[in-house]
């Protein structure tokens, strides 16, 4: 059974940094596209960044330069490094794993940025 477990969320002041992790069980991690998405209060879920199995990353235009996605295929883990955080980054952050015929979501981790 595939499980995605996020961690690393919390409360941080504006300008601070956080590193989210998503640990994945199962053997299909290395061939999967991994992504981070977020849902802010009162808004729809939106893409933050995705990374392919070979490490090619794509970011939401508004987040380029502040957020970095990376993965460690040996640890079945994907990371999201978030710097220069702003109050508008406050959201539940979700990890997603996808392939040709599958799609899995984590349960989400709350990130709150205080002004």
Protein backbone atom coordinates (compact mmCIF):
# COMPACT_ATOMS: atom_id res chain seq x y z
CA UNK A 1 0.00 0.00 0.00
CA UNK A 2 1.37 3.39 -0.97
CA UNK A 3 1.48 6.07 1.70
CA UNK A 4 2.74 9.63 1.58
CA UNK A 5 3.58 11.24 4.90
CA UNK A 6 4.42 14.94 5.05
CA UNK A 7 6.31 16.59 7.88
CA UNK A 8 8.11 19.82 8.66
CA UNK A 9 5.23 22.25 8.74
CA UNK A 10 4.70 24.72 11.53
CA UNK A 11 4.58 28.34 12.54
CA UNK A 12 7.29 30.68 11.28
CA UNK A 13 7.74 34.45 11.15
CA UNK A 14 7.73 36.30 7.87
CA UNK A 15 11.16 36.12 6.28
CA UNK A 16 11.89 32.77 7.84
CA UNK A 17 12.43 29.36 6.28
CA UNK A 18 10.97 25.88 6.53
CA UNK A 19 11.81 22.56 4.96
CA UNK A 20 8.99 20.16 4.26
CA UNK A 21 9.55 16.45 3.75
CA UNK A 22 7.34 13.81 2.20
CA UNK A 23 8.29 10.20 2.85
CA UNK A 24 6.78 7.63 0.53
CA UNK A 25 6.28 3.93 1.09
CA UNK A 26 6.34 1.52 -1.82
CA UNK A 27 8.67 0.78 -4.71
CA UNK A 28 7.47 3.18 -7.40
CA UNK A 29 8.90 6.39 -5.95
CA UNK A 30 11.93 6.67 -8.22
CA UNK A 31 9.87 6.54 -11.41
CA UNK A 32 7.13 8.85 -10.18
CA UNK A 33 6.60 12.53 -10.64
CA UNK A 34 6.51 14.13 -7.21
CA UNK A 35 4.83 17.40 -6.48
CA UNK A 36 3.99 19.88 -3.78
CA UNK A 37 0.67 21.67 -3.82
CA UNK A 38 -0.95 24.01 -1.35
CA UNK A 39 -4.38 25.20 -0.35
CA UNK A 40 -4.67 28.55 1.34
CA UNK A 41 -7.76 29.43 3.41
CA UNK A 42 -10.69 30.15 1.12
CA UNK A 43 -8.75 29.28 -2.03
CA UNK A 44 -8.39 26.33 -4.34
CA UNK A 45 -5.44 24.00 -4.19
CA UNK A 46 -2.60 25.20 -6.39
CA UNK A 47 0.65 23.86 -7.74
CA UNK A 48 3.82 24.80 -5.91
CA UNK A 49 6.40 22.66 -7.69
CA UNK A 50 6.92 19.28 -9.32
CA UNK A 51 10.00 17.18 -9.93
CA UNK A 52 10.48 14.22 -12.24
CA UNK A 53 12.29 11.02 -11.38
CA UNK A 54 15.50 12.33 -12.95
CA UNK A 55 15.35 15.60 -11.05
CA UNK A 56 13.85 18.03 -13.54
CA UNK A 57 11.88 20.64 -11.59
CA UNK A 58 9.08 23.01 -12.49
CA UNK A 59 7.77 25.80 -10.27
CA UNK A 60 4.79 28.06 -10.04
CA UNK A 61 5.97 31.34 -11.54
CA UNK A 62 5.15 33.30 -8.41
CA UNK A 63 7.34 31.07 -6.24
CA UNK A 64 10.48 30.81 -8.35
CA UNK A 65 13.56 31.85 -6.46
CA UNK A 66 12.08 31.32 -2.99
CA UNK A 67 11.08 27.64 -3.05
CA UNK A 68 13.22 24.67 -4.06
CA UNK A 69 11.99 21.14 -4.63
CA UNK A 70 14.36 18.21 -4.44
CA UNK A 71 14.21 14.45 -4.03
CA UNK A 72 16.29 11.62 -2.67
CA UNK A 73 15.35 8.44 -4.50
CA UNK A 74 17.42 6.33 -2.11
CA UNK A 75 15.28 7.57 0.78
CA UNK A 76 11.96 7.69 -1.09
CA UNK A 77 11.62 11.29 0.04
CA UNK A 78 10.82 14.57 -1.64
CA UNK A 79 11.60 17.92 -0.04
CA UNK A 80 10.42 21.48 -0.33
CA UNK A 81 12.78 24.17 0.91
CA UNK A 82 10.88 27.41 1.50
CA UNK A 83 12.76 30.66 2.08
CA UNK A 84 11.77 34.28 2.60
CA UNK A 85 8.34 33.13 3.66
CA UNK A 86 5.44 35.56 3.49
CA UNK A 87 2.08 35.56 5.28
CA UNK A 88 0.44 34.72 1.95
CA UNK A 89 2.36 31.43 1.94
CA UNK A 90 0.15 30.28 4.80
CA UNK A 91 -1.59 27.12 3.62
CA UNK A 92 -1.86 23.40 3.98
CA UNK A 93 0.89 21.88 1.86
CA UNK A 94 0.26 18.56 0.17
CA UNK A 95 2.60 16.05 -1.37
CA UNK A 96 1.53 14.26 -4.52
CA UNK A 97 2.91 11.25 -6.36
CA UNK A 98 1.81 10.48 -9.88
CA UNK A 99 2.49 8.18 -12.79
CA UNK A 100 0.75 6.98 -15.91
CA UNK A 101 -1.94 5.12 -14.04
CA UNK A 102 -1.78 6.28 -10.47
CA UNK A 103 -2.12 9.33 -8.31
CA UNK A 104 -1.61 9.54 -4.56
CA UNK A 105 -1.88 12.41 -2.10
CA UNK A 106 -0.52 12.91 1.36
CA UNK A 107 -2.64 14.16 4.23
CA UNK A 108 -1.10 17.63 4.22
CA UNK A 109 0.95 19.67 6.63
CA UNK A 110 0.05 23.13 7.90
CA UNK A 111 2.40 26.04 7.29
CA UNK A 112 1.55 29.30 9.02
CA UNK A 113 3.57 32.44 8.41
CA UNK A 114 3.04 35.26 10.89
CA UNK A 115 3.60 38.90 10.00
